[in-house]
Amino acid sequence: MSKDIATRVTTGVQALALPGQREGWQAQHRGSLLTDAQTYDALADAIQADLKARRLDGDLPWGLSAAARARKRVKPLRDAAKAMRQAAKAINGTVAAYEETQPETVLRRREDKALRKAQRKQQLGSAAHNSAQATLQRLAPGDGDDAPAGAPKLLGDYFGKQQRGA
């Protein structure tokens, strides 16, 4: 039995590694898992309907006890169907992981990341340069003879020499 599992694993890995066979492997395994999930759901429905119809002495009226008992008994089958659907999703995730780790895809993603990083650095550098230039200009020596050297300019200096109310 272990040889059979080892053979299946080896062929599965080989199929995932080849882009042409990847889709076939995905469809085959995902389809079988979803078929199993549908089978478990149908089986659970049939068993639940049968158990609901069986009334026992001491049950509550209107079949509430029988319905609750039936739901309780088919819960493991419902859980198995849910697990099969989750396994089908995992198959999709496995195939996506193989597609995302293709050398060309990884190289392109790394180049895009390096380009974005260089653009951010350039933007930060120009912003820092502009900020430093504004600070140096603000702290530059006064323009006229009456202004002391190194005196900071006032906010009004940036808006012109308009005086109000005189």
Protein backbone atom coordinates (compact mmCIF):
# COMPACT_ATOMS: atom_id res chain seq x y z
CA MET A 1 0.00 0.00 0.00
CA SER A 2 2.80 2.44 0.80
CA LYS A 3 4.29 1.84 -2.63
CA ASP A 4 0.97 2.83 -4.18
CA ILE A 5 0.87 6.04 -2.13
CA ALA A 6 4.49 6.82 -2.96
CA THR A 7 3.78 6.34 -6.67
CA ARG A 8 0.72 8.58 -6.49
CA VAL A 9 2.65 11.28 -4.65
CA THR A 10 5.52 11.15 -7.12
CA THR A 11 3.22 11.39 -10.13
CA GLY A 12 1.28 14.21 -8.46
CA VAL A 13 4.42 16.24 -7.84
CA GLN A 14 5.59 15.64 -11.40
CA ALA A 15 2.20 16.71 -12.74
CA LEU A 16 2.27 19.91 -10.67
CA ALA A 17 5.75 20.77 -11.89
CA LEU A 18 4.71 20.73 -15.55
CA PRO A 19 2.43 23.60 -16.62
CA GLY A 20 0.63 21.51 -19.26
CA GLN A 21 -0.32 18.74 -16.84
CA ARG A 22 -1.11 20.97 -13.87
CA GLU A 23 -4.65 21.82 -14.99
CA GLY A 24 -5.50 18.17 -15.64
CA TRP A 25 -4.23 17.10 -12.22
CA GLN A 26 -6.21 19.92 -10.60
CA ALA A 27 -9.43 19.06 -12.43
CA GLN A 28 -9.12 15.34 -11.68
CA HIS A 29 -8.47 15.68 -7.95
CA ARG A 30 -10.80 18.62 -7.38
CA GLY A 31 -13.59 16.82 -9.26
CA SER A 32 -13.21 13.62 -7.27
CA LEU A 33 -13.25 15.52 -3.97
CA LEU A 34 -16.36 17.51 -4.93
CA THR A 35 -18.07 14.33 -6.10
CA ASP A 36 -17.31 12.70 -2.74
CA ALA A 37 -18.72 15.76 -0.95
CA GLN A 38 -21.94 15.55 -2.97
CA THR A 39 -22.18 11.83 -2.22
CA TYR A 40 -21.78 12.44 1.53
CA ASP A 41 -24.41 15.19 1.43
CA ALA A 42 -26.88 12.97 -0.44
CA LEU A 43 -26.24 10.11 1.98
CA ALA A 44 -26.74 12.45 4.95
CA ASP A 45 -30.01 13.71 3.47
CA ALA A 46 -31.32 10.17 2.99
CA ILE A 47 -30.33 9.04 6.48
CA GLN A 48 -31.73 12.18 8.06
CA ALA A 49 -35.08 11.74 6.29
CA ASP A 50 -35.24 8.09 7.38
CA LEU A 51 -34.39 8.91 11.01
CA LYS A 52 -36.92 11.76 11.12
CA ALA A 53 -39.65 9.34 10.10
CA ARG A 54 -38.87 6.99 13.00
CA ARG A 55 -40.77 8.01 16.09
CA LEU A 56 -39.87 6.54 19.44
CA ASP A 57 -41.90 6.31 22.61
CA GLY A 58 -41.39 9.41 24.73
CA ASP A 59 -40.64 11.76 21.79
CA LEU A 60 -42.00 15.28 21.94
CA PRO A 61 -45.01 16.03 19.77
CA TRP A 62 -44.65 17.27 16.18
CA GLY A 63 -41.49 15.22 15.68
CA LEU A 64 -39.08 17.66 17.31
CA SER A 65 -37.15 14.93 19.12
CA ALA A 66 -36.86 12.77 16.00
CA ALA A 67 -35.61 15.72 13.94
CA ALA A 68 -33.00 16.66 16.54
CA ARG A 69 -31.85 13.06 16.82
CA ALA A 70 -31.58 12.78 13.02
CA ARG A 71 -29.48 15.97 12.76
CA LYS A 72 -27.20 14.71 15.50
CA ARG A 73 -26.62 11.38 13.77
CA VAL A 74 -25.83 12.82 10.32
CA LYS A 75 -23.50 15.54 11.60
CA PRO A 76 -20.36 13.43 11.00
CA LEU A 77 -21.39 12.95 7.36
CA ARG A 78 -22.01 16.69 6.96
CA ASP A 79 -18.59 17.35 8.51
CA ALA A 80 -16.99 14.89 6.09
CA ALA A 81 -18.64 16.64 3.13
CA LYS A 82 -17.39 19.99 4.41
CA ALA A 83 -13.88 18.58 4.77
CA MET A 84 -14.01 17.33 1.16
CA ARG A 85 -14.99 20.80 -0.08
CA GLN A 86 -12.14 22.34 1.93
CA ALA A 87 -9.75 19.79 0.44
CA ALA A 88 -10.92 20.83 -3.04
CA LYS A 89 -10.07 24.43 -2.15
CA ALA A 90 -6.67 23.26 -0.94
CA ILE A 91 -6.08 21.66 -4.35
CA ASN A 92 -6.68 25.06 -5.95
CA GLY A 93 -4.29 26.68 -3.47
CA THR A 94 -1.60 24.10 -4.19
CA VAL A 95 -1.83 24.69 -7.93
CA ALA A 96 -1.76 28.46 -7.36
CA ALA A 97 1.37 28.07 -5.23
CA TYR A 98 3.10 26.23 -8.06
CA GLU A 99 2.04 28.91 -10.53
CA GLU A 100 3.21 31.73 -8.24
CA THR A 101 6.64 30.17 -7.75
CA GLN A 102 7.50 29.85 -11.42
CA PRO A 103 10.97 31.39 -11.96
CA GLU A 104 9.69 33.92 -14.52
CA THR A 105 6.89 35.05 -12.23
CA VAL A 106 9.20 35.41 -9.23
CA LEU A 107 11.78 37.32 -11.28
CA ARG A 108 9.16 39.71 -12.68
CA ARG A 109 7.69 40.30 -9.20
CA ARG A 110 11.14 41.03 -7.74
CA GLU A 111 11.96 43.45 -10.55
CA ASP A 112 8.66 45.28 -10.04
CA LYS A 113 9.33 45.49 -6.31
CA ALA A 114 12.84 46.89 -6.87
CA LEU A 115 11.48 49.47 -9.31
CA ARG A 116 8.80 50.61 -6.83
CA LYS A 117 11.43 50.83 -4.09
CA ALA A 118 13.70 52.96 -6.28
CA GLN A 119 10.79 55.27 -7.13
CA ARG A 120 9.90 55.69 -3.44
CA LYS A 121 13.54 56.45 -2.59
CA GLN A 122 13.70 59.04 -5.35
CA GLN A 123 10.47 60.69 -4.17
CA LEU A 124 11.70 60.78 -0.57
CA GLY A 125 15.05 62.17 -1.66
CA SER A 126 13.47 64.95 -3.69
CA ALA A 127 11.07 65.79 -0.84
CA ALA A 128 13.97 65.95 1.62
CA HIS A 129 15.98 68.09 -0.81
CA ASN A 130 13.07 70.49 -1.32
CA SER A 131 12.51 70.71 2.43
CA ALA A 132 16.20 71.42 3.06
CA GLN A 133 16.23 74.09 0.35
CA ALA A 134 13.17 75.78 1.85
CA THR A 135 14.77 75.75 5.29
CA LEU A 136 18.02 77.20 3.97
CA GLN A 137 16.15 79.88 2.07
CA ARG A 138 14.10 80.77 5.15
CA LEU A 139 17.22 81.02 7.31
CA ALA A 140 19.27 82.90 4.70
CA PRO A 141 20.65 86.35 5.56
CA GLY A 142 18.19 89.19 5.36
CA ASP A 143 17.46 90.79 2.02
CA GLY A 144 17.76 94.40 3.13
CA ASP A 145 20.28 96.33 5.20
CA ASP A 146 17.90 96.68 8.13
CA ALA A 147 17.27 92.90 8.48
CA PRO A 148 19.79 91.02 10.65
CA ALA A 149 21.71 88.14 9.08
CA GLY A 150 20.21 84.70 9.72
CA ALA A 151 16.90 86.10 10.89
CA PRO A 152 13.99 83.82 10.03
CA LYS A 153 11.45 85.18 7.64
CA LEU A 154 7.92 85.70 8.84
CA LEU A 155 4.85 84.08 7.40
CA GLY A 156 3.79 87.39 5.91
CA ASP A 157 6.99 87.48 3.87
CA TYR A 158 5.72 84.58 1.80
CA PHE A 159 2.48 86.35 0.87
CA GLY A 160 3.88 89.70 -0.14
CA LYS A 161 4.11 93.07 1.62
CA GLN A 162 0.41 93.81 1.99
CA GLN A 163 -0.59 95.74 5.09
CA ARG A 164 -4.14 95.89 6.28
CA GLY A 165 -6.17 98.50 7.96
CA ALA A 166 -3.94 101.57 7.65
